[in-house]
């Protein structure tokens, strides 16, 4: 199973233990909003909660031993507009060590998460 597939399945199921197995201890996540950087513990806490985003149409555009590129439509529990999200992922020791996302809102009245 690919690393990205394992990550997606663990996220979808809210399986924090499985997610911890595919995320490197040095993990850094740079999302497309808020200028925030998160680490492994942040992601694991978020993934185990009821408010985690859900996704559909998950696609792996490219994956080798060093990097991966994935795309999905993400829906947020806070009711904000869904986004088409592109993720660039780096691997280290067979685990995800970094992830950076870019997104396109899927409605004309989109408001950035956290802004009014």
Protein backbone atom coordinates (compact mmCIF):
# COMPACT_ATOMS: atom_id res chain seq x y z
CA UNK A 1 0.00 0.00 0.00
CA UNK A 2 1.28 3.47 -0.82
CA UNK A 3 2.13 5.84 2.01
CA UNK A 4 -0.47 8.36 0.81
CA UNK A 5 -3.17 5.68 0.63
CA UNK A 6 -2.33 4.57 4.18
CA UNK A 7 -2.51 8.20 5.35
CA UNK A 8 -5.86 8.79 3.61
CA UNK A 9 -7.41 5.62 5.05
CA UNK A 10 -6.20 6.39 8.57
CA UNK A 11 -7.51 9.98 8.32
CA UNK A 12 -10.88 8.87 6.94
CA UNK A 13 -11.31 6.36 9.78
CA UNK A 14 -10.03 8.71 12.50
CA UNK A 15 -7.46 6.01 13.30
CA UNK A 16 -4.85 7.97 15.23
CA UNK A 17 -2.66 4.91 15.83
CA UNK A 18 -2.46 4.08 12.11
CA UNK A 19 -1.85 7.74 11.32
CA UNK A 20 0.99 7.87 13.84
CA UNK A 21 2.61 4.97 11.98
CA UNK A 22 2.75 6.84 8.65
CA UNK A 23 3.74 10.26 10.02
CA UNK A 24 7.42 10.83 10.81
CA UNK A 25 8.34 12.23 14.24
CA UNK A 26 9.92 15.25 12.46
CA UNK A 27 6.67 15.93 10.55
CA UNK A 28 5.86 19.54 9.58
CA UNK A 29 2.55 20.57 8.02
CA UNK A 30 2.24 23.95 6.27
CA UNK A 31 -1.43 24.39 5.33
CA UNK A 32 -2.64 26.92 2.81
CA UNK A 33 -4.42 29.04 5.42
CA UNK A 34 -3.44 31.10 8.42
CA UNK A 35 0.35 30.99 8.16
CA UNK A 36 0.33 28.18 10.72
CA UNK A 37 2.84 25.35 10.93
CA UNK A 38 1.81 22.14 12.69
CA UNK A 39 3.74 19.14 13.94
CA UNK A 40 2.91 15.47 14.36
CA UNK A 41 1.12 15.87 17.70
CA UNK A 42 -1.04 18.68 16.28
CA UNK A 43 -2.17 16.54 13.36
CA UNK A 44 -2.83 13.50 15.53
CA UNK A 45 -4.94 15.61 17.91
CA UNK A 46 -6.88 17.09 15.01
CA UNK A 47 -7.41 13.72 13.30
CA UNK A 48 -8.85 12.11 16.41
CA UNK A 49 -11.45 14.82 16.98
CA UNK A 50 -15.04 15.00 15.80
CA UNK A 51 -14.40 18.17 13.78
CA UNK A 52 -11.79 16.79 11.39
CA UNK A 53 -12.28 17.61 7.72
CA UNK A 54 -13.56 14.89 5.41
CA UNK A 55 -12.55 14.33 1.83
CA UNK A 56 -13.79 12.76 -1.36
CA UNK A 57 -12.37 12.01 -4.79
CA UNK A 58 -8.94 11.34 -3.24
CA UNK A 59 -6.38 10.92 -6.01
CA UNK A 60 -2.68 10.24 -5.95
CA UNK A 61 -1.19 12.17 -8.85
CA UNK A 62 2.39 11.04 -8.22
CA UNK A 63 4.24 9.06 -5.58
CA UNK A 64 7.74 7.63 -5.34
CA UNK A 65 10.10 6.98 -2.39
CA UNK A 66 10.88 10.68 -1.93
CA UNK A 67 7.75 12.72 -2.71
CA UNK A 68 4.06 12.50 -3.47
CA UNK A 69 1.38 14.76 -4.92
CA UNK A 70 -2.28 14.22 -4.04
CA UNK A 71 -5.58 15.93 -4.79
CA UNK A 72 -8.98 15.76 -3.09
CA UNK A 73 -12.14 17.70 -2.39
CA UNK A 74 -12.19 18.61 1.30
CA UNK A 75 -15.26 19.43 3.38
CA UNK A 76 -14.92 21.24 6.71
CA UNK A 77 -16.93 20.56 9.86
CA UNK A 78 -17.28 24.29 10.59
CA UNK A 79 -19.50 24.71 7.53
CA UNK A 80 -17.03 26.72 5.48
CA UNK A 81 -16.93 26.20 1.73
CA UNK A 82 -15.42 22.99 0.44
CA UNK A 83 -12.07 23.24 -1.31
CA UNK A 84 -10.17 21.38 -3.99
CA UNK A 85 -6.88 20.70 -2.19
CA UNK A 86 -3.53 19.85 -3.74
CA UNK A 87 -0.93 18.40 -1.36
CA UNK A 88 2.82 18.15 -1.86
CA UNK A 89 4.26 15.50 0.45
CA UNK A 90 7.86 14.57 1.27
CA UNK A 91 8.85 11.19 2.69
CA UNK A 92 11.65 10.19 5.04
CA UNK A 93 12.30 6.66 6.30
CA UNK A 94 9.10 5.49 4.58
CA UNK A 95 6.93 8.02 6.44
CA UNK A 96 5.47 11.45 5.74
CA UNK A 97 7.92 14.08 6.99
CA UNK A 98 6.32 17.18 5.47
CA UNK A 99 3.12 18.24 3.77
CA UNK A 100 2.17 21.53 2.16
CA UNK A 101 -1.23 22.31 0.66
CA UNK A 102 -2.73 24.71 -1.81
CA UNK A 103 -6.47 25.03 -2.35
CA UNK A 104 -9.15 26.41 -4.61
CA UNK A 105 -12.53 27.33 -3.07
CA UNK A 106 -15.50 25.66 -4.68
CA UNK A 107 -18.04 28.50 -4.41
CA UNK A 108 -18.27 32.16 -5.39
CA UNK A 109 -19.07 33.31 -1.83
CA UNK A 110 -16.04 31.56 -0.30
CA UNK A 111 -14.59 32.99 2.90
CA UNK A 112 -11.16 31.92 4.12
CA UNK A 113 -11.41 29.76 7.22
CA UNK A 114 -10.96 32.00 10.27
CA UNK A 115 -11.89 35.22 8.46
CA UNK A 116 -15.22 37.00 8.46
